[in-house]
Amino acid sequence: MSRTTPLELYRNIGICAHVDAGKTTTTERVLFYTGISHKIGEVHDGAAVMDWMEQEQERGITITSAATTCFWEGTAKQYKQHRFNIIDTPGHVDFTIEVERSLRVLDGAVVVFCGSSGVEPQSETVWRQANRYEVPRIAFINKMDRAGADFFEGHRSNEETFRCKCRSYSACNWSRR
C-alpha cells in the first residue's frame, strides 16, 4: 500500500511539560483546529480524546503517552500538506520514563509552561531530557487567562533557567474561517 503523504512531509511532535501545564488541553485544541475533532475535549470533564484510559479520565492527568495524527497545509492552504504525529506526554514525575521514550522519536517538541507558575521542576527535567536527545523545542506559555499570569516574566524565566535566547511571537488568531 503506497503512502498518501510523502515521508519527508511527516513530523513527529511531542507536547511536553510539568503536570497541569495544559499539555492535553493544548493537544485537544490542535485536533479541533486541524479538523480532526469536531468538539474540543475537556480534561476536567473526562472528555479529552487523548486521555483514553479510565484512570486518566478519573484523575484528570495523563499516565501514558498517547499519539494521534493531524494534517496541516497552512491557514490559506499555501503549503504542501504535512502529516503531524502528535505525542501527548505525561507531566507527573512518576511517569518521566514515558516522556523519555517519546523524546527518542521526536522531530520537535512544544514545551508548555503555565503563565502564572512559570518554570516548574518537572519542566526542567523535560528540558534536560530534550537536550539529551537534541530535540528542537518551542516554548509555549499557556494559561495566560489566569490571575497573576505574566508572559514577559515567563519569557525571562525560561531564558534564565535554560540559559537560552527565546524569541517572542504574538498570539495566533485561531478563529475558523
Protein backbone atom coordinates (compact mmCIF):
# COMPACT_ATOMS: atom_id res chain seq x y z
CA MET A 1 0.00 0.00 0.00
CA SER A 2 1.50 3.35 -1.02
CA ARG A 3 1.73 6.37 1.27
CA THR A 4 -0.71 9.22 0.75
CA THR A 5 1.77 11.65 2.35
CA PRO A 6 5.44 11.52 1.30
CA LEU A 7 7.76 10.61 4.18
CA GLU A 8 9.57 13.96 4.00
CA LEU A 9 6.29 15.69 4.95
CA TYR A 10 5.91 13.72 8.21
CA ARG A 11 6.73 15.39 11.53
CA ASN A 12 6.71 13.74 14.97
CA ILE A 13 5.93 16.45 17.50
CA GLY A 14 5.76 15.97 21.27
CA ILE A 15 3.78 18.05 23.73
CA CYS A 16 5.79 18.05 26.98
CA ALA A 17 5.72 19.84 30.34
CA HIS A 18 5.13 19.53 34.05
CA VAL A 19 1.84 18.21 35.40
CA ASP A 20 -1.17 20.52 34.87
CA ALA A 21 0.59 22.87 32.44
CA GLY A 22 -2.09 22.17 29.83
CA LYS A 23 -0.44 19.64 27.51
CA THR A 24 -3.55 17.59 26.81
CA THR A 25 -5.74 20.69 26.55
CA THR A 26 -3.28 22.15 24.02
CA THR A 27 -3.31 18.88 22.04
CA GLU A 28 -7.13 18.84 22.07
CA ARG A 29 -7.12 22.37 20.58
CA VAL A 30 -4.72 21.30 17.82
CA LEU A 31 -7.02 18.39 16.95
CA PHE A 32 -10.01 20.73 16.83
CA TYR A 33 -8.35 23.45 14.74
CA THR A 34 -6.96 20.95 12.24
CA GLY A 35 -10.43 19.46 11.78
CA ILE A 36 -9.70 16.05 13.33
CA SER A 37 -12.14 16.62 16.20
CA HIS A 38 -15.40 18.47 15.81
CA LYS A 39 -15.70 19.14 19.55
CA ILE A 40 -12.98 20.28 21.92
CA GLY A 41 -12.46 17.56 24.52
CA GLU A 42 -12.01 18.87 28.05
CA VAL A 43 -9.72 17.16 30.57
CA HIS A 44 -11.74 18.29 33.60
CA ASP A 45 -14.90 16.53 32.43
CA GLY A 46 -13.15 13.36 31.19
CA ALA A 47 -13.95 14.07 27.54
CA ALA A 48 -10.40 14.54 26.23
CA VAL A 49 -9.67 12.29 23.25
CA MET A 50 -6.03 11.92 24.28
CA ASP A 51 -6.74 10.71 27.82
CA TRP A 52 -8.27 7.40 26.79
CA MET A 53 -7.53 5.29 29.89
CA GLU A 54 -10.21 5.16 32.57
CA GLN A 55 -7.67 6.13 35.26
CA GLU A 56 -6.61 9.17 33.22
CA GLN A 57 -10.21 10.30 32.85
CA GLU A 58 -10.91 9.81 36.56
CA ARG A 59 -7.73 11.52 37.80
CA GLY A 60 -7.53 14.23 35.13
CA ILE A 61 -3.86 13.51 34.37
CA THR A 62 -2.02 11.79 31.54
CA ILE A 63 -0.43 8.48 32.59
CA THR A 64 0.82 7.09 29.27
CA SER A 65 2.00 8.90 26.16
CA ALA A 66 -0.74 8.98 23.55
CA ALA A 67 -0.23 9.52 19.82
CA THR A 68 -2.59 10.97 17.27
CA THR A 69 -2.31 12.33 13.75
CA CYS A 70 -3.44 15.56 12.16
CA PHE A 71 -2.73 17.30 8.87
CA TRP A 72 -1.81 20.91 8.17
CA GLU A 73 -1.25 22.86 4.99
CA GLY A 74 -1.42 26.41 6.35
CA THR A 75 -4.40 28.62 7.09
CA ALA A 76 -4.66 29.57 3.40
CA LYS A 77 -3.60 26.12 2.17
CA GLN A 78 -0.33 27.68 0.99
CA TYR A 79 1.89 24.70 1.87
CA LYS A 80 2.04 21.07 0.88
CA GLN A 81 0.00 19.08 3.35
CA HIS A 82 2.15 17.87 6.25
CA ARG A 83 1.27 14.94 8.49
CA PHE A 84 1.86 15.70 12.16
CA ASN A 85 2.08 12.76 14.51
CA ILE A 86 1.46 14.39 17.88
CA ILE A 87 2.55 12.67 21.06
CA ASP A 88 0.89 13.97 24.23
CA THR A 89 3.22 13.04 27.09
CA PRO A 90 2.57 12.77 30.84
CA GLY A 91 3.74 15.55 33.13
CA HIS A 92 3.79 13.84 36.51
CA VAL A 93 7.26 12.96 37.79
CA ASP A 94 6.20 9.32 38.31
CA PHE A 95 5.81 8.92 34.55
CA THR A 96 9.09 10.55 33.45
CA ILE A 97 10.20 7.41 31.60
CA GLU A 98 7.16 7.78 29.29
CA VAL A 99 8.48 11.20 28.26
CA GLU A 100 11.97 9.77 27.77
CA ARG A 101 10.66 7.08 25.41
CA SER A 102 8.75 9.63 23.37
CA LEU A 103 11.66 12.06 23.04
CA ARG A 104 13.71 9.44 21.21
CA VAL A 105 11.46 9.61 18.14
CA LEU A 106 10.58 13.31 18.03
CA ASP A 107 11.45 15.81 15.31
CA GLY A 108 10.47 18.63 17.66
CA ALA A 109 8.62 19.40 20.86
CA VAL A 110 6.31 22.03 22.25
CA VAL A 111 7.21 22.55 25.91
CA VAL A 112 4.21 24.04 27.70
CA PHE A 113 4.63 26.44 30.64
CA CYS A 114 1.91 27.86 32.88
CA GLY A 115 1.70 31.65 32.57
CA SER A 116 1.27 32.11 36.31
CA SER A 117 3.55 29.45 37.81
CA GLY A 118 6.31 29.53 35.17
CA VAL A 119 9.14 27.00 35.13
CA GLU A 120 8.42 24.05 37.43
CA PRO A 121 10.95 21.36 38.48
CA GLN A 122 9.50 18.76 36.09
CA SER A 123 9.76 21.32 33.26
CA GLU A 124 13.49 21.46 33.92
CA THR A 125 13.68 17.64 33.80
CA VAL A 126 11.82 17.55 30.47
CA TRP A 127 14.12 20.26 29.08
CA ARG A 128 17.24 18.30 30.08
CA GLN A 129 15.78 15.13 28.54
CA ALA A 130 15.14 17.03 25.29
CA ASN A 131 18.73 18.32 25.39
CA ARG A 132 19.99 14.74 25.72
CA TYR A 133 18.17 13.71 22.53
CA GLU A 134 18.84 17.04 20.76
CA VAL A 135 15.14 17.69 20.21
CA PRO A 136 14.40 21.22 18.93
CA ARG A 137 11.80 22.96 21.09
CA ILE A 138 9.22 25.70 21.08
CA ALA A 139 8.35 27.12 24.50
CA PHE A 140 4.61 27.78 24.72
CA ILE A 141 3.37 29.93 27.59
CA ASN A 142 -0.14 28.76 28.35
CA LYS A 143 -2.92 29.77 30.76
CA MET A 144 -2.49 33.48 30.17
CA ASP A 145 -6.08 33.99 31.36
CA ARG A 146 -5.13 33.08 34.95
CA ALA A 147 -4.72 35.64 37.72
CA GLY A 148 -1.06 36.57 38.05
CA ALA A 149 -0.14 35.34 34.57
CA ASP A 150 2.76 37.32 33.12
CA PHE A 151 4.03 36.45 29.65
CA PHE A 152 7.18 38.57 29.94
CA GLU A 153 8.11 37.07 33.31
CA GLY A 154 7.59 33.59 31.86
CA HIS A 155 9.78 34.50 28.90
CA ARG A 156 12.51 35.90 31.18
CA SER A 157 12.29 32.87 33.48
CA ASN A 158 12.73 30.47 30.55
CA GLU A 159 15.81 32.34 29.32
CA GLU A 160 17.34 32.46 32.78
CA THR A 161 16.57 28.86 33.77
CA PHE A 162 17.52 27.21 30.48
CA ARG A 163 20.30 29.64 29.55
CA CYS A 164 18.93 30.16 26.09
CA LYS A 165 17.75 33.04 23.97
CA CYS A 166 13.99 32.92 23.44
CA ARG A 167 12.11 34.75 20.72
CA SER A 168 8.60 36.00 21.38
CA TYR A 169 5.78 35.65 18.90
CA SER A 170 2.36 37.20 19.22
CA ALA A 171 -0.71 35.11 19.87
CA CYS A 172 -2.36 33.43 16.91
CA ASN A 173 -5.87 34.13 15.76
CA TRP A 174 -7.29 30.61 15.86
CA SER A 175 -10.76 31.51 14.62
CA ARG A 176 -12.04 29.11 11.99
CA ARG A 177 -12.98 30.76 8.72
